[in-house]
Each structure stands twice: as C-alpha cells, then as structure tokens.
Amino acid sequence: MPSVEALGLTMTFNKGWHIITPTGENESKENNTMLVYNEMKLRDFEFWAGAVDRVKELTWEQLDTIEAILEDIYPNGINETQLNDLFWHDMDTIYEWLGLNKL
C-alpha cells in the first residue's frame, strides 16, 4: 500500500484520531476527501446489529487476543464495517483464531 505522502495526503494526529487530508493548495473542494482513523481498543468498539450479541460471548482477554491478530493482518487498520461484519458473519474465523471449536 502506498504511503500517505505518496498519495499526496497529509496525516495529522489529534486526540487519538489520525486525520488524513489532501496536501497542497491546488485541490478543488469537490475533490477533497478526508479519511479519519481512530485508534481504539477492540473492547471499546461499538458493534452493531448481529455482531453485538456475538461479541458478548467473548471475554476481554479473548478480545485482546483478537485485537493483536487483527493488528497483524491489517497493519494499516480495518474499517468499521469490515470489523463489525467479521464478528457478525464470520465468527468461525474468530473461534479458529482463539482455538475454540464452536458449532
């Protein structure tokens, strides 16, 4: 994946948020896109829909283990929908990472 700078973007850090904005003054407002990254513990993430109940099945220690695995798999981060969908639709993978055999 190209670096932020190689894409012509600037990253700043403010109160736990990574804010990425276009670099340069020649950018038109219609083309400006801002990506906002928030670094947080997995146990603090607000899951929704079917993922809520599935996460309740896990301990904090298991969430910490999954967080470490996700950091290795997604070194540049994972978006909220991907994360939520992983827990909602792919708990078999989560259980496998934890060494659990759930049916």
N, C-alpha and C. Protein backbone atom coordinates (compact mmCIF):
# COMPACT_ATOMS: atom_id res chain seq x y z
N MET A 1 0.85 -1.17 0.00
CA MET A 1 0.00 0.00 0.00
C MET A 1 0.90 1.24 0.00
N PRO A 2 0.62 2.21 -0.85
CA PRO A 2 1.44 3.41 -0.89
C PRO A 2 1.33 4.22 0.39
N SER A 3 2.37 4.97 0.67
CA SER A 3 2.35 5.80 1.88
C SER A 3 1.37 6.95 1.70
N VAL A 4 1.01 7.55 2.82
CA VAL A 4 0.11 8.70 2.79
C VAL A 4 0.72 9.81 1.95
N GLU A 5 2.02 10.07 2.13
CA GLU A 5 2.69 11.13 1.41
C GLU A 5 2.73 10.85 -0.10
N ALA A 6 2.93 9.58 -0.49
CA ALA A 6 2.98 9.22 -1.90
C ALA A 6 1.64 9.45 -2.58
N LEU A 7 0.57 9.43 -1.82
CA LEU A 7 -0.76 9.68 -2.37
C LEU A 7 -1.11 11.16 -2.38
N GLY A 8 -0.17 12.00 -1.96
CA GLY A 8 -0.43 13.44 -1.92
C GLY A 8 -1.31 13.85 -0.77
N LEU A 9 -1.19 13.13 0.35
CA LEU A 9 -2.00 13.41 1.52
C LEU A 9 -1.12 13.76 2.70
N THR A 10 -1.70 14.40 3.68
CA THR A 10 -1.00 14.75 4.91
C THR A 10 -1.76 14.11 6.07
N MET A 11 -1.02 13.51 7.01
CA MET A 11 -1.66 12.90 8.17
C MET A 11 -1.28 13.70 9.41
N THR A 12 -2.29 14.04 10.20
CA THR A 12 -2.06 14.69 11.48
C THR A 12 -2.69 13.82 12.56
N PHE A 13 -2.25 14.00 13.78
CA PHE A 13 -2.75 13.23 14.91
C PHE A 13 -3.29 14.20 15.93
N ASN A 14 -4.54 14.00 16.35
CA ASN A 14 -5.16 14.92 17.28
C ASN A 14 -6.11 14.15 18.20
N LYS A 15 -5.80 14.10 19.47
CA LYS A 15 -6.66 13.48 20.49
C LYS A 15 -7.04 12.05 20.14
N GLY A 16 -6.09 11.24 19.68
CA GLY A 16 -6.34 9.84 19.39
C GLY A 16 -6.86 9.58 17.99
N TRP A 17 -7.04 10.63 17.18
CA TRP A 17 -7.57 10.47 15.83
C TRP A 17 -6.47 10.78 14.82
N HIS A 18 -6.36 9.93 13.80
CA HIS A 18 -5.50 10.22 12.66
C HIS A 18 -6.39 10.88 11.62
N ILE A 19 -6.02 12.07 11.17
CA ILE A 19 -6.83 12.80 10.20
C ILE A 19 -5.98 12.95 8.94
N ILE A 20 -6.52 12.46 7.82
CA ILE A 20 -5.78 12.49 6.56
C ILE A 20 -6.50 13.44 5.61
N THR A 21 -5.77 14.42 5.09
CA THR A 21 -6.34 15.40 4.19
C THR A 21 -5.41 15.57 2.98
N PRO A 22 -5.95 16.06 1.85
CA PRO A 22 -5.10 16.29 0.68
C PRO A 22 -4.02 17.32 0.96
N THR A 23 -2.84 17.11 0.38
CA THR A 23 -1.73 18.04 0.52
C THR A 23 -1.77 19.03 -0.64
N GLY A 24 -1.42 20.26 -0.38
CA GLY A 24 -1.31 21.24 -1.46
C GLY A 24 -2.50 22.17 -1.48
N GLU A 25 -2.27 23.30 -2.13
CA GLU A 25 -3.31 24.33 -2.18
C GLU A 25 -4.09 24.30 -3.49
N ASN A 26 -3.72 23.44 -4.43
CA ASN A 26 -4.37 23.40 -5.72
C ASN A 26 -5.54 22.42 -5.77
N GLU A 27 -5.91 21.86 -4.65
CA GLU A 27 -7.01 20.90 -4.61
C GLU A 27 -8.34 21.65 -4.65
N SER A 28 -9.25 21.19 -5.50
CA SER A 28 -10.58 21.80 -5.51
C SER A 28 -11.41 21.18 -4.38
N LYS A 29 -12.34 21.94 -3.85
CA LYS A 29 -13.13 21.46 -2.72
C LYS A 29 -13.95 20.23 -3.09
N GLU A 30 -14.40 20.09 -4.36
CA GLU A 30 -15.21 18.95 -4.75
C GLU A 30 -14.41 17.65 -4.67
N ASN A 31 -13.09 17.71 -4.85
CA ASN A 31 -12.27 16.51 -4.87
C ASN A 31 -11.62 16.20 -3.53
N ASN A 32 -11.80 17.06 -2.56
CA ASN A 32 -11.19 16.82 -1.26
C ASN A 32 -11.93 15.72 -0.52
N THR A 33 -11.21 14.72 -0.13
CA THR A 33 -11.76 13.63 0.66
C THR A 33 -10.93 13.51 1.91
N MET A 34 -11.57 13.37 3.02
CA MET A 34 -10.85 13.22 4.27
C MET A 34 -11.15 11.85 4.84
N LEU A 35 -10.12 11.13 5.20
CA LEU A 35 -10.26 9.86 5.89
C LEU A 35 -9.90 10.10 7.34
N VAL A 36 -10.70 9.59 8.24
CA VAL A 36 -10.44 9.76 9.66
C VAL A 36 -10.22 8.39 10.27
N TYR A 37 -9.09 8.22 10.94
CA TYR A 37 -8.78 6.97 11.61
C TYR A 37 -8.82 7.20 13.11
N ASN A 38 -9.40 6.24 13.80
CA ASN A 38 -9.46 6.32 15.25
C ASN A 38 -8.79 5.08 15.82
N GLU A 39 -7.76 5.27 16.61
CA GLU A 39 -7.11 4.14 17.27
C GLU A 39 -7.82 3.89 18.58
N MET A 40 -8.31 2.65 18.74
CA MET A 40 -9.02 2.31 19.97
C MET A 40 -8.84 0.83 20.27
N LYS A 41 -9.11 0.48 21.49
CA LYS A 41 -9.08 -0.92 21.89
C LYS A 41 -10.32 -1.59 21.30
N LEU A 42 -10.17 -2.85 20.91
CA LEU A 42 -11.30 -3.59 20.35
C LEU A 42 -12.45 -3.67 21.35
N ARG A 43 -12.13 -3.77 22.61
CA ARG A 43 -13.18 -3.87 23.62
C ARG A 43 -13.99 -2.58 23.75
N ASP A 44 -13.47 -1.45 23.20
CA ASP A 44 -14.19 -0.18 23.24
C ASP A 44 -14.98 0.09 21.96
N PHE A 45 -14.83 -0.77 20.96
CA PHE A 45 -15.52 -0.57 19.69
C PHE A 45 -17.02 -0.80 19.89
N GLU A 46 -17.85 0.05 19.27
CA GLU A 46 -19.30 -0.08 19.38
C GLU A 46 -19.83 -0.91 18.21
N PHE A 47 -19.98 -2.22 18.45
CA PHE A 47 -20.52 -3.11 17.44
C PHE A 47 -22.00 -2.83 17.27
N TRP A 48 -22.57 -3.26 16.14
CA TRP A 48 -23.99 -3.07 15.90
C TRP A 48 -24.58 -4.34 15.27
N ALA A 49 -25.90 -4.35 15.22
CA ALA A 49 -26.69 -5.45 14.63
C ALA A 49 -26.27 -6.79 15.25
N GLY A 50 -26.13 -7.82 14.44
CA GLY A 50 -25.85 -9.16 14.93
C GLY A 50 -24.51 -9.32 15.62
N ALA A 51 -23.57 -8.44 15.36
CA ALA A 51 -22.25 -8.54 15.98
C ALA A 51 -22.31 -8.28 17.49
N VAL A 52 -23.28 -7.50 17.93
CA VAL A 52 -23.39 -7.15 19.35
C VAL A 52 -23.50 -8.40 20.22
N ASP A 53 -24.41 -9.28 19.86
CA ASP A 53 -24.62 -10.49 20.66
C ASP A 53 -23.42 -11.44 20.58
N ARG A 54 -22.80 -11.50 19.42
CA ARG A 54 -21.65 -12.40 19.25
C ARG A 54 -20.46 -11.95 20.09
N VAL A 55 -20.24 -10.65 20.17
CA VAL A 55 -19.12 -10.13 20.96
C VAL A 55 -19.36 -10.38 22.44
N LYS A 56 -20.61 -10.39 22.86
CA LYS A 56 -20.93 -10.65 24.27
C LYS A 56 -20.50 -12.04 24.71
N GLU A 57 -20.31 -12.96 23.75
CA GLU A 57 -19.88 -14.33 24.07
C GLU A 57 -18.40 -14.40 24.43
N LEU A 58 -17.65 -13.33 24.15
CA LEU A 58 -16.19 -13.34 24.32
C LEU A 58 -15.77 -12.59 25.58
N THR A 59 -14.66 -13.04 26.16
CA THR A 59 -14.08 -12.35 27.32
C THR A 59 -13.21 -11.19 26.84
N TRP A 60 -12.84 -10.32 27.76
CA TRP A 60 -11.94 -9.23 27.41
C TRP A 60 -10.59 -9.77 26.96
N GLU A 61 -10.14 -10.84 27.59
CA GLU A 61 -8.85 -11.44 27.20
C GLU A 61 -8.93 -11.97 25.77
N GLN A 62 -10.06 -12.57 25.41
CA GLN A 62 -10.22 -13.06 24.04
C GLN A 62 -10.27 -11.90 23.06
N LEU A 63 -10.93 -10.82 23.42
CA LEU A 63 -10.95 -9.63 22.55
C LEU A 63 -9.55 -9.06 22.38
N ASP A 64 -8.75 -9.06 23.44
CA ASP A 64 -7.37 -8.58 23.33
C ASP A 64 -6.55 -9.46 22.39
N THR A 65 -6.78 -10.77 22.44
CA THR A 65 -6.09 -11.70 21.54
C THR A 65 -6.49 -11.42 20.10
N ILE A 66 -7.78 -11.24 19.86
CA ILE A 66 -8.26 -10.95 18.51
C ILE A 66 -7.71 -9.62 18.02
N GLU A 67 -7.64 -8.63 18.90
CA GLU A 67 -7.08 -7.33 18.54
C GLU A 67 -5.64 -7.47 18.05
N ALA A 68 -4.83 -8.26 18.74
CA ALA A 68 -3.44 -8.46 18.33
C ALA A 68 -3.38 -9.15 16.96
N ILE A 69 -4.25 -10.10 16.73
CA ILE A 69 -4.29 -10.79 15.44
C ILE A 69 -4.69 -9.83 14.33
N LEU A 70 -5.71 -9.01 14.59
CA LEU A 70 -6.16 -8.04 13.59
C LEU A 70 -5.08 -7.02 13.27
N GLU A 71 -4.30 -6.61 14.27
CA GLU A 71 -3.22 -5.66 14.03
C GLU A 71 -2.17 -6.26 13.09
N ASP A 72 -1.95 -7.58 13.19
CA ASP A 72 -1.01 -8.24 12.29
C ASP A 72 -1.59 -8.39 10.88
N ILE A 73 -2.85 -8.74 10.79
CA ILE A 73 -3.49 -8.96 9.50
C ILE A 73 -3.75 -7.65 8.77
N TYR A 74 -4.13 -6.63 9.50
CA TYR A 74 -4.46 -5.32 8.93
C TYR A 74 -3.53 -4.24 9.52
N PRO A 75 -2.26 -4.22 9.11
CA PRO A 75 -1.33 -3.25 9.70
C PRO A 75 -1.71 -1.79 9.45
N ASN A 76 -2.51 -1.54 8.41
CA ASN A 76 -2.95 -0.17 8.12
C ASN A 76 -4.35 0.10 8.65
N GLY A 77 -4.86 -0.82 9.44
CA GLY A 77 -6.18 -0.64 10.04
C GLY A 77 -7.27 -1.36 9.26
N ILE A 78 -8.43 -1.42 9.85
CA ILE A 78 -9.61 -2.05 9.27
C ILE A 78 -10.77 -1.08 9.46
N ASN A 79 -11.65 -0.99 8.46
CA ASN A 79 -12.74 -0.03 8.64
C ASN A 79 -13.83 -0.63 9.52
N GLU A 80 -14.69 0.23 10.02
CA GLU A 80 -15.70 -0.17 10.99
C GLU A 80 -16.63 -1.26 10.46
N THR A 81 -17.04 -1.13 9.21
CA THR A 81 -17.96 -2.11 8.64
C THR A 81 -17.30 -3.48 8.50
N GLN A 82 -16.05 -3.49 8.03
CA GLN A 82 -15.32 -4.76 7.92
C GLN A 82 -15.20 -5.43 9.28
N LEU A 83 -14.85 -4.65 10.28
CA LEU A 83 -14.68 -5.18 11.63
C LEU A 83 -16.00 -5.75 12.16
N ASN A 84 -17.05 -4.98 12.04
CA ASN A 84 -18.36 -5.42 12.51
C ASN A 84 -18.81 -6.67 11.76
N ASP A 85 -18.63 -6.68 10.45
CA ASP A 85 -19.05 -7.83 9.64
C ASP A 85 -18.26 -9.08 9.97
N LEU A 86 -17.00 -8.92 10.31
CA LEU A 86 -16.19 -10.07 10.71
C LEU A 86 -16.83 -10.77 11.91
N PHE A 87 -17.22 -10.00 12.90
CA PHE A 87 -17.84 -10.58 14.10
C PHE A 87 -19.27 -11.04 13.84
N TRP A 88 -19.97 -10.38 12.95
CA TRP A 88 -21.36 -10.72 12.68
C TRP A 88 -21.48 -11.96 11.79
N HIS A 89 -20.67 -12.01 10.72
CA HIS A 89 -20.85 -13.03 9.69
C HIS A 89 -19.75 -14.08 9.64
N ASP A 90 -18.67 -13.90 10.38
CA ASP A 90 -17.55 -14.84 10.26
C ASP A 90 -16.98 -15.22 11.63
N MET A 91 -17.87 -15.57 12.56
CA MET A 91 -17.41 -15.96 13.89
C MET A 91 -16.60 -17.25 13.85
N ASP A 92 -16.80 -18.09 12.82
CA ASP A 92 -15.98 -19.30 12.71
C ASP A 92 -14.49 -18.94 12.67
N THR A 93 -14.16 -17.87 11.94
CA THR A 93 -12.77 -17.42 11.88
C THR A 93 -12.30 -16.93 13.24
N ILE A 94 -13.15 -16.17 13.92
CA ILE A 94 -12.81 -15.67 15.26
C ILE A 94 -12.54 -16.85 16.20
N TYR A 95 -13.45 -17.83 16.20
CA TYR A 95 -13.28 -19.00 17.05
C TYR A 95 -11.99 -19.76 16.71
N GLU A 96 -11.70 -19.86 15.42
CA GLU A 96 -10.47 -20.54 14.99
C GLU A 96 -9.24 -19.82 15.53
N TRP A 97 -9.23 -18.49 15.45
CA TRP A 97 -8.10 -17.72 15.98
C TRP A 97 -7.92 -17.96 17.47
N LEU A 98 -9.03 -18.17 18.16
CA LEU A 98 -8.99 -18.36 19.61
C LEU A 98 -8.77 -19.83 20.00
N GLY A 99 -8.72 -20.69 19.00
CA GLY A 99 -8.53 -22.12 19.27
C GLY A 99 -9.78 -22.77 19.83
N LEU A 100 -10.95 -22.20 19.53
CA LEU A 100 -12.21 -22.74 20.01
C LEU A 100 -12.91 -23.49 18.89
N ASN A 101 -13.65 -24.50 19.24
CA ASN A 101 -14.38 -25.29 18.26
C ASN A 101 -15.87 -25.13 18.55
N LYS A 102 -16.46 -24.09 17.99
CA LYS A 102 -17.89 -23.81 18.19
C LYS A 102 -18.66 -24.24 16.96
N LEU A 103 -19.85 -24.76 17.17
CA LEU A 103 -20.71 -25.15 16.05
C LEU A 103 -21.81 -24.15 15.86
